[in-house]
C-alpha atoms as a PDB file:
ATOM      1  CA  MET A   1     226.426 179.919 114.366  1.00  0.00           C
ATOM      2  CA  LYS A   2     225.812 176.277 115.263  1.00  0.00           C
ATOM      3  CA  PRO A   3     222.990 175.404 117.658  1.00  0.00           C
ATOM      4  CA  LEU A   4     224.099 174.339 121.114  1.00  0.00           C
ATOM      5  CA  ILE A   5     223.776 170.854 122.539  1.00  0.00           C
ATOM      6  CA  TYR A   6     224.575 169.719 126.058  1.00  0.00           C
ATOM      7  CA  GLY A   7     225.826 166.323 127.127  1.00  0.00           C
ATOM      8  CA  TYR A   8     224.980 164.409 130.284  1.00  0.00           C
ATOM      9  CA  MET A   9     226.535 161.242 131.657  1.00  0.00           C
ATOM     10  CA  ARG A  10     227.007 159.281 134.840  1.00  0.00           C
ATOM     11  CA  VAL A  11     230.543 158.481 135.919  1.00  0.00           C
ATOM     12  CA  PRO A  12     230.442 155.741 138.563  1.00  0.00           C
ATOM     13  CA  SER A  13     233.515 155.400 140.757  1.00  0.00           C
ATOM     14  CA  ASP A  14     234.369 152.061 139.119  1.00  0.00           C
ATOM     15  CA  MET A  15     234.289 153.447 135.550  1.00  0.00           C
ATOM     16  CA  PRO A  16     237.790 153.424 134.018  1.00  0.00           C
ATOM     17  CA  ASP A  17     239.028 156.816 132.849  1.00  0.00           C
ATOM     18  CA  GLU A  18     239.380 155.494 129.297  1.00  0.00           C
ATOM     19  CA  GLU A  19     235.681 154.551 129.242  1.00  0.00           C
ATOM     20  CA  ALA A  20     234.646 157.991 130.500  1.00  0.00           C
ATOM     21  CA  ARG A  21     236.811 159.687 127.850  1.00  0.00           C
ATOM     22  CA  ARG A  22     235.424 157.402 125.121  1.00  0.00           C
ATOM     23  CA  ARG A  23     231.848 158.240 126.082  1.00  0.00           C
ATOM     24  CA  GLU A  24     232.682 161.963 126.067  1.00  0.00           C
ATOM     25  CA  ALA A  25     234.356 161.584 122.663  1.00  0.00           C
ATOM     26  CA  ASP A  26     231.269 159.784 121.328  1.00  0.00           C
ATOM     27  CA  MET A  27     229.060 162.695 122.405  1.00  0.00           C
ATOM     28  CA  GLU A  28     231.483 165.194 120.865  1.00  0.00           C
ATOM     29  CA  ALA A  29     231.531 163.212 117.591  1.00  0.00           C
ATOM     30  CA  TYR A  30     227.723 163.092 117.507  1.00  0.00           C
ATOM     31  CA  ALA A  31     227.485 166.846 118.066  1.00  0.00           C
ATOM     32  CA  ARG A  32     230.002 167.568 115.312  1.00  0.00           C
ATOM     33  CA  ALA A  33     228.377 165.159 112.835  1.00  0.00           C
ATOM     34  CA  GLU A  34     224.907 166.621 113.450  1.00  0.00           C
ATOM     35  CA  GLY A  35     226.022 170.251 113.166  1.00  0.00           C
ATOM     36  CA  PHE A  36     225.860 171.166 116.872  1.00  0.00           C
ATOM     37  CA  ALA A  37     228.304 172.959 119.107  1.00  0.00           C
ATOM     38  CA  LEU A  38     228.763 170.871 122.258  1.00  0.00           C
ATOM     39  CA  ALA A  39     228.466 173.504 124.973  1.00  0.00           C
ATOM     40  CA  MET A  40     229.276 171.321 127.974  1.00  0.00           C
ATOM     41  CA  ILE A  41     229.008 167.798 129.320  1.00  0.00           C
ATOM     42  CA  PHE A  42     227.414 167.508 132.734  1.00  0.00           C
ATOM     43  CA  HIS A  43     228.847 164.680 134.846  1.00  0.00           C
ATOM     44  CA  GLU A  44     226.942 162.895 137.593  1.00  0.00           C
ATOM     45  CA  PHE A  45     229.320 161.147 140.003  1.00  0.00           C
ATOM     46  CA  GLU A  46     226.946 159.855 142.691  1.00  0.00           C
ATOM     47  CA  ALA A  47     224.453 157.134 141.769  1.00  0.00           C
ATOM     48  CA  VAL A  48     221.616 158.520 143.883  1.00  0.00           C
ATOM     49  CA  GLN A  49     222.097 162.201 143.129  1.00  0.00           C
ATOM     50  CA  ARG A  50     220.844 164.276 140.251  1.00  0.00           C
ATOM     51  CA  SER A  51     222.582 167.585 140.956  1.00  0.00           C
ATOM     52  CA  ALA A  52     224.227 167.631 137.520  1.00  0.00           C
ATOM     53  CA  LEU A  53     220.828 166.984 135.957  1.00  0.00           C
ATOM     54  CA  ALA A  54     219.434 169.993 137.817  1.00  0.00           C
ATOM     55  CA  GLU A  55     222.365 172.071 136.531  1.00  0.00           C
ATOM     56  CA  LEU A  56     221.674 170.806 133.001  1.00  0.00           C
ATOM     57  CA  LEU A  57     218.028 171.881 133.245  1.00  0.00           C
ATOM     58  CA  GLN A  58     219.084 175.329 134.450  1.00  0.00           C
ATOM     59  CA  ALA A  59     221.577 175.680 131.589  1.00  0.00           C
ATOM     60  CA  LEU A  60     218.944 174.662 129.044  1.00  0.00           C
ATOM     61  CA  GLN A  61     216.520 177.222 130.442  1.00  0.00           C
ATOM     62  CA  ARG A  62     219.166 179.995 130.419  1.00  0.00           C
ATOM     63  CA  THR A  63     220.317 179.407 126.853  1.00  0.00           C
ATOM     64  CA  GLU A  64     218.778 178.822 123.469  1.00  0.00           C
ATOM     65  CA  ALA A  65     219.827 175.159 123.582  1.00  0.00           C
ATOM     66  CA  HIS A  66     217.086 172.621 122.949  1.00  0.00           C
ATOM     67  CA  ASN A  67     219.099 169.430 122.646  1.00  0.00           C
ATOM     68  CA  VAL A  68     220.739 166.968 125.025  1.00  0.00           C
ATOM     69  CA  VAL A  69     222.870 163.961 124.139  1.00  0.00           C
ATOM     70  CA  VAL A  70     223.464 161.032 126.493  1.00  0.00           C
ATOM     71  CA  PRO A  71     225.522 157.891 125.892  1.00  0.00           C
ATOM     72  CA  SER A  72     222.547 155.835 127.075  1.00  0.00           C
ATOM     73  CA  LEU A  73     219.218 156.466 128.761  1.00  0.00           C
ATOM     74  CA  ARG A  74     220.720 154.470 131.643  1.00  0.00           C
ATOM     75  CA  ASP A  75     222.786 157.585 132.325  1.00  0.00           C
ATOM     76  CA  LEU A  76     219.522 159.251 133.317  1.00  0.00           C
ATOM     77  CA  ALA A  77     218.177 156.326 135.396  1.00  0.00           C
ATOM     78  CA  LEU A  78     218.324 152.557 135.637  1.00  0.00           C
ATOM     79  CA  THR A  79     214.631 151.804 135.169  1.00  0.00           C
ATOM     80  CA  ASP A  80     212.616 152.421 132.015  1.00  0.00           C
ATOM     81  CA  ARG A  81     209.852 154.246 133.898  1.00  0.00           C
ATOM     82  CA  LEU A  82     212.261 156.681 135.546  1.00  0.00           C
ATOM     83  CA  GLN A  83     214.120 157.170 132.264  1.00  0.00           C
ATOM     84  CA  ASP A  84     210.836 158.076 130.585  1.00  0.00           C
ATOM     85  CA  ALA A  85     209.939 160.436 133.444  1.00  0.00           C
ATOM     86  CA  LEU A  86     213.271 162.252 133.283  1.00  0.00           C
ATOM     87  CA  VAL A  87     213.155 162.569 129.494  1.00  0.00           C
ATOM     88  CA  LEU A  88     209.657 164.024 129.856  1.00  0.00           C
ATOM     89  CA  GLN A  89     210.901 166.407 132.543  1.00  0.00           C
ATOM     90  CA  ILE A  90     213.675 167.656 130.248  1.00  0.00           C
ATOM     91  CA  GLU A  91     211.215 168.023 127.364  1.00  0.00           C
ATOM     92  CA  CYS A  92     208.613 169.879 129.438  1.00  0.00           C
ATOM     93  CA  GLU A  93     210.789 172.052 131.677  1.00  0.00           C
ATOM     94  CA  ALA A  94     213.419 172.972 129.120  1.00  0.00           C
ATOM     95  CA  ASN A  95     211.716 172.402 125.772  1.00  0.00           C
ATOM     96  CA  ALA A  96     214.621 170.137 124.839  1.00  0.00           C
ATOM     97  CA  GLN A  97     214.971 166.862 122.976  1.00  0.00           C
ATOM     98  CA  VAL A  98     217.072 164.020 124.408  1.00  0.00           C
ATOM     99  CA  VAL A  99     219.121 161.842 122.044  1.00  0.00           C
ATOM    100  CA  SER A 100     220.550 158.575 123.337  1.00  0.00           C
ATOM    101  CA  LEU A 101     223.589 157.391 121.406  1.00  0.00           C
ATOM    102  CA  ASP A 102     222.861 153.732 122.093  1.00  0.00           C
ATOM    103  CA  GLU A 103     219.517 154.091 120.294  1.00  0.00           C
ATOM    104  CA  LEU A 104     220.948 155.476 117.051  1.00  0.00           C
END
């Protein structure tokens, strides 16, 4: 059985559908290439909310998944400091590693 990985991405209202699908496909391709089963992609639709991130943390804590893929760390937050803080939160609260596709 393949280990699980979750995806997380922001979908601003001005993002074209094709771009959202391409980003999802990129996460799916990464999971497949690295031997993971992509369990679910969490979508954040509001710029100031993090409800999908909270759901992601809960899912990671409920399952044996220890990996998260994001198209970019900017999907977590716009500033480097907040990105680092959220990655640390995911690592500490859920014992999970975050992989950013734009850093590969």
